Amino acid sequence: MRNAELRTTRKQRAQCRCSFRAPHSALRTCLAAAALAGVLAVAPGCDRLFPSQKDPKATEKKAPPPVPVLAAPVVQKTVPLELRTFGAAEPNLMATVKAQVTGVLTKIYFKEGQDVKQGDLLFTIDKRPYEAALQQTQANYTRDRAQYTNALKEAERQAELLKTHVAAQQDYDAAKTAADALYATLLADQAMIETAKIQIEYCTIRSPIDARAGAWQVDEGNLVKANDQLLVTLNQVRPIQLGFSLPQRELARVKTQAATGKLQVNAIIPGQEGRPEAGTLTFIDNTVDRTTGTFLLKATFPNPKERLWPGQFVNVVLVLQEEPDRIIVPTRAIQTGQKGQFVYVIGPDKKVRDQLVTPGRTINDDTIITEGLKAGETVVTDGQLKLVPGAEVVVKESLAAAAQPKAKADADRPPKSDDKGGQGPGKGGKGGGATASGPKTAPGEKSQADPGEAAKQ
């Protein structure tokens, strides 16, 4: 009886173990199925991860596209030997106009900033007081001339009486002295008349030079004093002078070249670098400034269009001589590397090579190359950052224009879909694969794959 009970208990325990292991077997089956589905999903992309196993041609490395650059030819030409500095324009002639007589300013005959010619009427001052003074001086002259005539006749009578011994010598001397004194008075009267006339002329002020008038300093109706108040300033700007200074170390070279002929001076106005004004060196100062170690020079410019103006600061280029057969490249073509300065030279096969060069002095936007290049070669002037020796290039007129087709192609390309995200958990995507493969459980129903619940049973 006891043995039968033991066998029944062992049988029940064996059934319980089977019911406990069944959920684990189902779970392993689900995981194996999910792994197999993942392998099948990844299999189509294996050809992209391992192209050599699918297509041997895919392993071949594609040649990079040509790099767009800007280029310029290397030229050989005659270039000037120049000294560069800065200076200020100043009028060739300047006149400060003041009144030479005192009086009321009656009229102004020009406008501010007007061009005036030599002899043009500028101002008039009330001349009536000076005309009256002239008339008074003329009246004094008439009176003194009459007295002189009488004194001259008296002297002649005394001379006749002296010959006949009727008059004394003393009387003759007195008469002659009176006549001579009146003659001197007549000369003084004539001088006073000329002075009065000059003062009347000073009441009319005219331009002493061809120039451009400045601003009025006195308006009509004001009283002006002689040699006291400035009326206007006249500056001659055609021609015009340009003053500038150079270091004393350049004095000998400038004097040597100036002795051979006239030296050209170019004035470059800021903002108008492409249109310099040409002039001629006309003055070298006779001393060096001890405080600055420089010497003063002046150049004269015709200035027909009045582009130079008194007081204007400009860049000055003094041309000493011409240097023939110099190799010139744009300055922006020169790069700096570990071995020194170099340029990229474009060969006949449209491939570049780096060429070490020895730059000289700079002229505007160009640089003289003393060694490393020859005329006729082509160098890269822009786009060097994307180049390496041996790279293939394509010469463009503008790098901005070369970048436009690529930008347009990127804008027209449709956006790529996101394959990694799927449709999200619970919607059949890859991110929710475990949820899709598991059995659905109704609300309130216990899952059969829960090992804990099976153990409790």
Protein backbone atom coordinates (compact mmCIF):
# COMPACT_ATOMS: atom_id res chain seq x y z
CA MET A 1 0.00 0.00 0.00
CA ARG A 2 2.79 2.34 0.94
CA ASN A 3 4.71 1.56 -2.28
CA ALA A 4 1.69 2.43 -4.39
CA GLU A 5 1.38 5.85 -2.72
CA LEU A 6 5.05 6.58 -3.34
CA ARG A 7 4.71 5.76 -7.05
CA THR A 8 1.64 8.04 -7.30
CA THR A 9 3.52 10.96 -5.62
CA ARG A 10 6.58 10.57 -7.96
CA LYS A 11 4.29 10.58 -10.99
CA GLN A 12 2.62 13.81 -9.88
CA ARG A 13 6.03 15.46 -9.30
CA ALA A 14 7.17 14.46 -12.79
CA GLN A 15 4.05 16.00 -14.32
CA CYS A 16 4.63 19.17 -12.33
CA ARG A 17 8.24 19.43 -13.64
CA CYS A 18 7.00 19.04 -17.20
CA SER A 19 4.42 21.75 -16.77
CA PHE A 20 7.14 24.01 -15.27
CA ARG A 21 9.63 23.45 -18.14
CA ALA A 22 7.09 23.93 -20.93
CA PRO A 23 7.05 27.73 -20.74
CA HIS A 24 10.90 27.83 -20.99
CA SER A 25 10.78 25.74 -24.16
CA ALA A 26 8.22 28.07 -25.72
CA LEU A 27 10.37 31.09 -24.80
CA ARG A 28 13.45 29.54 -26.41
CA THR A 29 11.42 28.83 -29.53
CA CYS A 30 10.26 32.48 -29.76
CA LEU A 31 13.80 33.82 -29.32
CA ALA A 32 15.14 31.47 -31.99
CA ALA A 33 12.44 32.63 -34.40
CA ALA A 34 13.21 36.29 -33.71
CA ALA A 35 16.94 35.70 -34.30
CA LEU A 36 16.23 33.95 -37.58
CA ALA A 37 14.02 36.85 -38.71
CA GLY A 38 16.82 39.32 -37.86
CA VAL A 39 19.34 37.34 -39.91
CA LEU A 40 17.00 37.25 -42.89
CA ALA A 41 16.41 41.02 -42.57
CA VAL A 42 20.14 41.79 -42.46
CA ALA A 43 21.01 39.43 -45.31
CA PRO A 44 19.94 41.84 -48.13
CA GLY A 45 22.41 44.47 -46.79
CA CYS A 46 25.37 42.13 -46.67
CA ASP A 47 26.33 43.03 -50.20
CA ARG A 48 26.72 46.61 -49.08
CA LEU A 49 28.80 45.70 -46.03
CA PHE A 50 31.01 43.26 -47.97
CA PRO A 51 31.04 44.43 -51.59
CA SER A 52 34.14 42.38 -52.40
CA GLN A 53 32.14 39.18 -51.93
CA LYS A 54 29.50 40.30 -54.43
CA ASP A 55 31.18 42.45 -57.10
CA PRO A 56 34.97 42.63 -57.51
CA LYS A 57 34.66 45.89 -59.48
CA ALA A 58 33.22 47.59 -56.39
CA THR A 59 36.63 47.36 -54.69
CA GLU A 60 38.19 49.64 -57.32
CA LYS A 61 38.82 53.18 -55.89
CA LYS A 62 37.13 55.91 -57.89
CA ALA A 63 39.30 58.89 -58.92
CA PRO A 64 38.37 62.14 -57.08
CA PRO A 65 36.72 64.82 -59.21
CA PRO A 66 38.86 67.75 -60.46
CA VAL A 67 39.27 70.58 -57.95
CA PRO A 68 37.92 73.94 -59.19
CA VAL A 69 40.54 76.69 -58.90
CA LEU A 70 41.37 80.15 -60.20
CA ALA A 71 44.59 80.58 -62.14
CA ALA A 72 46.75 83.27 -63.71
CA PRO A 73 49.67 83.17 -66.14
CA VAL A 74 53.24 84.00 -65.19
CA VAL A 75 54.26 87.11 -67.14
CA GLN A 76 57.58 88.77 -67.90
CA LYS A 77 57.54 92.55 -68.24
CA THR A 78 59.23 95.81 -67.32
CA VAL A 79 58.38 97.00 -63.82
CA PRO A 80 59.23 100.28 -62.07
CA LEU A 81 61.56 100.59 -59.09
CA GLU A 82 59.47 102.56 -56.64
CA LEU A 83 59.57 104.18 -53.21
CA ARG A 84 56.23 104.29 -51.42
CA THR A 85 55.10 106.68 -48.71
CA PHE A 86 52.23 109.06 -48.01
CA GLY A 87 51.86 112.81 -48.29
CA ALA A 88 49.46 115.72 -48.33
CA ALA A 89 48.42 117.98 -51.18
CA GLU A 90 48.99 121.70 -50.85
CA PRO A 91 48.12 124.63 -53.13
CA ASN A 92 50.68 125.65 -55.70
CA LEU A 93 49.96 129.30 -54.78
CA MET A 94 47.97 130.62 -51.85
CA ALA A 95 46.81 134.21 -51.27
CA THR A 96 45.27 135.48 -48.03
CA VAL A 97 43.25 138.55 -48.98
CA LYS A 98 43.07 141.45 -46.47
CA ALA A 99 41.96 145.04 -46.71
CA GLN A 100 44.74 147.64 -47.13
CA VAL A 101 42.50 150.53 -46.12
CA THR A 102 39.94 150.99 -43.38
CA GLY A 103 36.34 151.31 -44.41
CA VAL A 104 32.95 149.71 -44.82
CA LEU A 105 32.75 146.63 -47.05
CA THR A 106 30.13 147.67 -49.58
CA LYS A 107 29.91 144.66 -51.96
CA ILE A 108 31.20 141.11 -52.56
CA TYR A 109 31.46 140.10 -56.24
CA PHE A 110 32.04 136.32 -56.04
CA LYS A 111 30.46 133.24 -54.54
CA GLU A 112 32.09 131.00 -52.01
CA GLY A 113 34.04 128.20 -53.73
CA GLN A 114 34.04 129.98 -57.09
CA ASP A 115 36.96 129.82 -59.51
CA VAL A 116 38.41 133.30 -60.04
CA LYS A 117 40.92 134.62 -62.53
CA GLN A 118 43.76 137.01 -61.88
CA GLY A 119 42.34 140.55 -61.86
CA ASP A 120 38.72 139.54 -61.15
CA LEU A 121 36.88 141.93 -58.82
CA LEU A 122 36.36 140.48 -55.33
CA PHE A 123 35.39 143.27 -52.87
CA THR A 124 34.74 147.01 -52.80
CA ILE A 125 35.17 149.28 -49.80
CA ASP A 126 33.49 152.67 -49.40
CA LYS A 127 35.87 155.04 -51.21
CA ARG A 128 34.17 158.38 -50.53
CA PRO A 129 36.46 159.39 -47.62
CA TYR A 130 39.51 158.74 -49.75
CA GLU A 131 38.13 160.65 -52.72
CA ALA A 132 37.59 163.65 -50.45
CA ALA A 133 41.14 163.35 -49.17
CA LEU A 134 42.36 163.32 -52.78
CA GLN A 135 40.50 166.52 -53.57
CA GLN A 136 41.95 168.21 -50.49
CA THR A 137 45.46 167.19 -51.47
CA GLN A 138 44.93 168.48 -55.00
CA ALA A 139 43.73 171.84 -53.58
CA ASN A 140 46.83 172.13 -51.44
CA TYR A 141 48.94 171.42 -54.48
CA THR A 142 47.23 174.22 -56.42
CA ARG A 143 47.81 176.68 -53.58
CA ASP A 144 51.44 175.75 -53.12
CA ARG A 145 52.08 175.93 -56.85
CA ALA A 146 50.76 179.51 -56.94
CA GLN A 147 52.99 180.46 -54.03
CA TYR A 148 55.93 178.82 -55.70
CA THR A 149 55.33 180.75 -58.92
CA ASN A 150 55.31 184.03 -57.01
CA ALA A 151 58.39 183.09 -55.01
CA LEU A 152 60.21 182.12 -58.19
CA LYS A 153 59.47 185.55 -59.76
CA GLU A 154 60.64 187.32 -56.59
CA ALA A 155 63.88 185.44 -56.72
CA GLU A 156 64.40 186.44 -60.36
CA ARG A 157 63.84 190.18 -59.50
CA GLN A 158 66.28 190.00 -56.65
CA ALA A 159 68.80 188.47 -59.00
CA GLU A 160 68.44 191.42 -61.44
CA LEU A 161 68.77 193.96 -58.63
CA LEU A 162 71.82 192.19 -57.33
CA LYS A 163 73.52 192.56 -60.71
CA THR A 164 73.01 196.37 -60.62
CA HIS A 165 74.14 196.50 -56.98
CA VAL A 166 70.76 197.83 -55.92
CA ALA A 167 69.77 194.84 -53.80
CA ALA A 168 71.88 193.17 -51.22
CA GLN A 169 73.06 189.60 -51.49
CA GLN A 170 71.08 188.75 -48.38
CA ASP A 171 67.79 189.71 -50.00
CA TYR A 172 68.50 187.56 -53.03
CA ASP A 173 69.37 184.53 -50.88
CA ALA A 174 66.14 184.89 -48.89
CA ALA A 175 64.01 185.05 -52.04
CA LYS A 176 65.70 182.07 -53.62
CA THR A 177 65.34 179.99 -50.42
CA ALA A 178 61.61 180.73 -50.26
CA ALA A 179 61.19 179.62 -53.88
CA ASP A 180 63.09 176.39 -53.31
CA ALA A 181 61.03 175.61 -50.19
CA LEU A 182 57.80 176.10 -52.07
CA TYR A 183 59.10 173.82 -54.85
CA ALA A 184 59.68 171.08 -52.24
CA THR A 185 56.16 171.65 -50.95
CA LEU A 186 54.87 171.08 -54.47
CA LEU A 187 56.73 167.75 -54.65
CA ALA A 188 55.20 166.71 -51.31
CA ASP A 189 51.76 167.68 -52.54
CA GLN A 190 52.23 165.52 -55.62
CA ALA A 191 53.22 162.56 -53.43
CA MET A 192 50.13 163.09 -51.29
CA ILE A 193 48.00 163.10 -54.41
CA GLU A 194 49.51 159.78 -55.54
CA THR A 195 48.94 158.29 -52.07
CA ALA A 196 45.30 159.36 -52.11
CA LYS A 197 44.85 157.79 -55.52
CA ILE A 198 46.42 154.53 -54.35
CA GLN A 199 44.13 154.41 -51.32
CA ILE A 200 41.17 154.86 -53.63
CA GLU A 201 42.45 151.92 -55.69
CA TYR A 202 42.78 149.86 -52.50
CA CYS A 203 39.05 150.29 -52.02
CA THR A 204 38.64 147.93 -54.97
CA ILE A 205 40.10 144.46 -54.17
CA ARG A 206 40.93 142.14 -57.07
CA SER A 207 42.23 138.58 -57.28
CA PRO A 208 46.04 138.43 -57.45
CA ILE A 209 46.14 134.86 -58.92
CA ASP A 210 44.10 132.27 -60.77
CA ALA A 211 42.62 130.28 -57.92
CA ARG A 212 39.57 128.93 -56.19
CA ALA A 213 38.00 131.13 -53.56
CA GLY A 214 37.29 129.90 -50.07
CA ALA A 215 34.61 130.94 -47.63
CA TRP A 216 33.85 134.58 -46.84
CA GLN A 217 35.28 135.75 -43.55
CA VAL A 218 33.40 139.07 -43.57
CA ASP A 219 29.95 139.87 -44.90
CA GLU A 220 28.82 143.00 -46.69
CA GLY A 221 28.25 146.08 -44.54
CA ASN A 222 30.93 145.31 -41.97
CA LEU A 223 33.75 147.67 -41.10
CA VAL A 224 37.16 146.29 -42.02
CA LYS A 225 40.49 147.57 -40.82
CA ALA A 226 43.64 147.90 -42.83
CA ASN A 227 45.90 144.81 -42.65
CA ASP A 228 43.87 143.40 -39.79
CA GLN A 229 41.07 141.04 -40.74
CA LEU A 230 41.19 138.21 -43.29
CA LEU A 231 38.58 138.56 -46.01
CA VAL A 232 39.06 135.33 -48.00
CA THR A 233 41.73 132.73 -48.86
CA LEU A 234 42.55 131.88 -52.47
CA ASN A 235 44.16 128.52 -53.32
CA GLN A 236 45.55 127.62 -56.72
CA VAL A 237 44.73 123.94 -57.39
CA ARG A 238 45.67 123.81 -61.09
CA PRO A 239 48.53 122.96 -60.83
CA ILE A 240 48.85 121.65 -57.31
CA GLN A 241 51.77 120.49 -55.18
CA LEU A 242 52.20 117.36 -53.10
CA GLY A 243 54.54 117.31 -50.12
CA PHE A 244 55.94 114.06 -48.72
CA SER A 245 58.93 112.77 -46.77
CA LEU A 246 61.33 109.86 -47.21
CA PRO A 247 63.89 108.29 -44.83
CA GLN A 248 67.36 109.76 -45.02
CA ARG A 249 68.78 106.41 -46.23
CA GLU A 250 67.02 107.04 -49.57
CA LEU A 251 68.51 110.52 -50.04
CA ALA A 252 71.56 109.44 -52.05
CA ARG A 253 69.56 107.22 -54.38
CA VAL A 254 66.92 109.90 -54.98
CA LYS A 255 69.54 112.56 -55.71
CA THR A 256 71.37 110.24 -58.10
CA GLN A 257 68.24 109.42 -60.09
CA ALA A 258 67.02 113.04 -60.03
CA ALA A 259 70.30 114.15 -61.59
CA THR A 260 69.63 111.96 -64.64
CA GLY A 261 66.26 113.55 -65.40
CA LYS A 262 62.79 114.27 -64.09
CA LEU A 263 61.37 111.64 -61.76
CA GLN A 264 57.72 110.62 -61.99
CA VAL A 265 55.56 110.75 -58.88
CA ASN A 266 52.16 109.02 -58.69
CA ALA A 267 49.51 110.10 -56.20
CA ILE A 268 47.06 107.31 -55.28
CA ILE A 269 43.81 108.53 -53.75
CA PRO A 270 42.34 106.11 -51.17
CA GLY A 271 39.38 104.30 -52.70
CA GLN A 272 40.50 105.18 -56.24
CA GLU A 273 43.62 103.01 -56.48
CA GLY A 274 43.04 102.22 -60.14
CA ARG A 275 43.37 105.87 -61.26
CA PRO A 276 46.58 107.44 -59.93
CA GLU A 277 47.48 111.06 -60.68
CA ALA A 278 50.86 111.54 -62.38
CA GLY A 279 53.22 114.38 -61.52
CA THR A 280 56.89 115.36 -61.51
CA LEU A 281 59.36 115.74 -58.66
CA THR A 282 60.22 119.45 -58.42
CA PHE A 283 61.83 119.98 -55.01
CA ILE A 284 64.26 118.23 -52.65
CA ASP A 285 64.82 120.00 -49.36
CA ASN A 286 68.35 121.14 -48.47
CA THR A 287 68.33 119.63 -44.99
CA VAL A 288 67.30 116.48 -43.12
CA ASP A 289 64.93 116.82 -40.20
CA ARG A 290 66.90 115.78 -37.13
CA THR A 291 63.83 114.87 -35.10
CA THR A 292 62.40 112.42 -37.66
CA GLY A 293 65.41 111.47 -39.79
CA THR A 294 63.51 112.30 -42.99
CA PHE A 295 63.86 114.86 -45.76
CA LEU A 296 61.10 116.78 -47.51
CA LEU A 297 60.20 116.48 -51.19
CA LYS A 298 57.56 118.15 -53.33
CA ALA A 299 55.99 117.16 -56.62
CA THR A 300 53.88 119.24 -58.99
CA PHE A 301 50.73 117.82 -60.60
CA PRO A 302 48.73 119.41 -63.47
CA ASN A 303 45.53 118.27 -61.72
CA PRO A 304 43.23 119.04 -64.68
CA LYS A 305 40.19 117.35 -63.11
CA GLU A 306 40.97 118.70 -59.62
CA ARG A 307 41.06 115.23 -58.10
CA LEU A 308 43.76 116.41 -55.70
CA TRP A 309 42.67 118.97 -53.12
CA PRO A 310 44.65 121.07 -50.65
CA GLY A 311 45.10 119.24 -47.36
CA GLN A 312 44.14 115.85 -48.82
CA PHE A 313 46.21 112.85 -47.70
CA VAL A 314 47.21 110.43 -50.46
CA ASN A 315 49.57 107.52 -51.02
CA VAL A 316 52.70 108.54 -52.90
CA VAL A 317 54.78 106.41 -55.27
CA LEU A 318 58.13 107.85 -56.40
CA VAL A 319 59.38 106.02 -59.53
CA LEU A 320 63.18 105.93 -59.55
CA GLN A 321 63.81 103.76 -62.63
CA GLU A 322 62.44 100.94 -64.82
CA GLU A 323 63.56 97.31 -64.42
CA PRO A 324 63.09 95.19 -67.59
CA ASP A 325 62.33 91.46 -67.95
CA ARG A 326 61.00 90.74 -64.46
CA ILE A 327 58.89 87.64 -63.67
CA ILE A 328 55.56 88.67 -62.16
CA VAL A 329 52.83 86.59 -60.46
CA PRO A 330 49.78 87.61 -58.39
CA THR A 331 50.70 87.88 -54.72
CA ARG A 332 47.81 85.63 -53.66
CA ALA A 333 49.36 82.73 -55.60
CA ILE A 334 52.30 82.50 -53.16
CA GLN A 335 51.86 80.02 -50.30
CA THR A 336 54.05 79.22 -47.29
CA GLY A 337 55.01 75.63 -46.46
CA GLN A 338 57.56 73.73 -44.37
CA LYS A 339 60.23 74.10 -47.04
CA GLY A 340 59.51 77.78 -47.67
CA GLN A 341 57.35 79.77 -50.02
CA PHE A 342 55.90 78.00 -53.04
CA VAL A 343 53.23 78.15 -55.73
CA TYR A 344 51.06 75.50 -57.38
CA VAL A 345 51.94 75.24 -61.07
CA ILE A 346 49.35 73.72 -63.44
CA GLY A 347 50.89 71.34 -65.95
CA PRO A 348 49.68 70.45 -69.46
CA ASP A 349 47.82 67.42 -68.00
CA LYS A 350 45.81 69.74 -65.71
CA LYS A 351 47.64 68.39 -62.66
CA VAL A 352 49.41 70.63 -60.17
CA ARG A 353 52.88 70.50 -58.69
CA ASP A 354 54.33 72.59 -55.88
CA GLN A 355 57.22 74.79 -56.96
CA LEU A 356 59.49 76.58 -54.48
CA VAL A 357 60.01 80.24 -55.37
CA THR A 358 62.02 83.21 -54.13
CA PRO A 359 59.76 86.28 -53.98
CA GLY A 360 61.08 89.80 -54.37
CA ARG A 361 59.36 93.11 -53.74
CA THR A 362 55.63 93.65 -54.15
CA ILE A 363 54.03 95.96 -56.72
CA ASN A 364 50.36 96.61 -56.00
CA ASP A 365 48.74 93.12 -56.15
CA ASP A 366 51.71 91.44 -57.87
CA THR A 367 55.04 90.11 -56.64
CA ILE A 368 58.36 89.85 -58.46
CA ILE A 369 59.74 86.28 -58.50
CA THR A 370 63.53 86.24 -58.61
CA GLU A 371 63.86 82.44 -58.85
CA GLY A 372 61.65 79.40 -59.42
CA LEU A 373 59.33 80.33 -62.31
CA LYS A 374 59.49 81.25 -65.96
CA ALA A 375 57.20 83.17 -68.24
CA GLY A 376 54.30 81.25 -69.78
CA GLU A 377 53.57 78.96 -66.84
CA THR A 378 50.20 79.00 -65.09
CA VAL A 379 49.86 79.23 -61.32
CA VAL A 380 46.88 78.72 -59.01
CA THR A 381 45.66 81.94 -57.40
CA ASP A 382 42.69 80.64 -55.39
CA GLY A 383 41.53 77.25 -54.10
CA GLN A 384 44.94 76.10 -52.82
CA LEU A 385 43.51 74.68 -49.58
CA LYS A 386 41.96 71.74 -51.46
CA LEU A 387 45.10 70.89 -53.44
CA VAL A 388 47.91 68.38 -53.01
CA PRO A 389 50.75 67.74 -55.45
CA GLY A 390 49.43 65.70 -58.36
CA ALA A 391 45.81 66.71 -57.91
CA GLU A 392 43.78 67.32 -61.05
CA VAL A 393 42.22 70.77 -61.36
CA VAL A 394 39.75 72.59 -63.52
CA VAL A 395 40.21 76.33 -64.02
CA LYS A 396 37.12 78.42 -63.34
CA GLU A 397 36.40 82.09 -63.76
CA SER A 398 34.89 82.21 -60.28
CA LEU A 399 34.84 79.68 -57.43
CA ALA A 400 31.43 80.92 -56.36
CA ALA A 401 30.03 80.05 -59.79
CA ALA A 402 31.65 76.61 -59.60
CA ALA A 403 29.95 75.88 -56.28
CA GLN A 404 26.45 76.77 -57.51
CA PRO A 405 25.76 73.55 -59.55
CA LYS A 406 26.70 71.34 -56.59
CA ALA A 407 24.53 73.31 -54.20
CA LYS A 408 21.61 73.08 -56.64
CA ALA A 409 22.06 69.32 -57.00
CA ASP A 410 22.03 68.89 -53.21
CA ALA A 411 18.87 70.96 -52.97
CA ASP A 412 17.08 68.93 -55.69
CA ARG A 413 17.98 65.54 -54.16
CA PRO A 414 14.98 63.89 -52.30
CA PRO A 415 15.44 63.32 -48.55
CA LYS A 416 16.45 59.80 -47.44
CA SER A 417 14.03 57.71 -45.28
CA ASP A 418 15.20 56.57 -41.84
CA ASP A 419 15.59 52.74 -42.00
CA LYS A 420 16.81 52.36 -38.46
CA GLY A 421 13.84 53.80 -36.62
CA GLY A 422 11.12 51.65 -38.29
CA GLN A 423 7.59 52.48 -37.34
CA GLY A 424 8.18 52.52 -33.60
CA PRO A 425 7.38 50.00 -30.88
CA GLY A 426 4.15 48.08 -31.19
CA LYS A 427 3.67 48.83 -34.92
CA GLY A 428 5.61 46.01 -36.52
CA GLY A 429 8.93 47.85 -36.93
CA LYS A 430 12.33 46.49 -36.04
CA GLY A 431 12.36 48.39 -32.81
CA GLY A 432 9.22 46.56 -31.69
CA GLY A 433 10.08 43.05 -33.05
CA ALA A 434 9.85 41.34 -29.68
CA THR A 435 6.40 42.74 -29.06
CA ALA A 436 5.11 41.69 -32.48
CA SER A 437 6.39 38.10 -32.19
CA GLY A 438 4.93 37.41 -28.73
CA PRO A 439 1.38 36.14 -28.18
CA LYS A 440 -1.29 38.70 -27.44
CA THR A 441 -2.87 38.53 -23.99
CA ALA A 442 -6.44 39.54 -23.40
CA PRO A 443 -7.16 42.02 -20.62
CA GLY A 444 -7.38 40.27 -17.26
CA GLU A 445 -5.95 36.98 -18.67
CA LYS A 446 -2.72 35.56 -17.31
CA SER A 447 0.02 34.72 -19.74
CA GLN A 448 0.96 31.05 -20.05
CA ALA A 449 4.60 31.95 -20.70
CA ASP A 450 5.07 33.47 -17.22
CA PRO A 451 7.32 31.08 -15.23
CA GLY A 452 6.39 32.67 -11.91
CA GLU A 453 2.70 32.01 -12.31
CA ALA A 454 3.40 28.45 -13.41
CA ALA A 455 5.48 27.86 -10.30
CA LYS A 456 2.69 29.18 -8.10
CA GLN A 457 0.29 26.74 -9.65
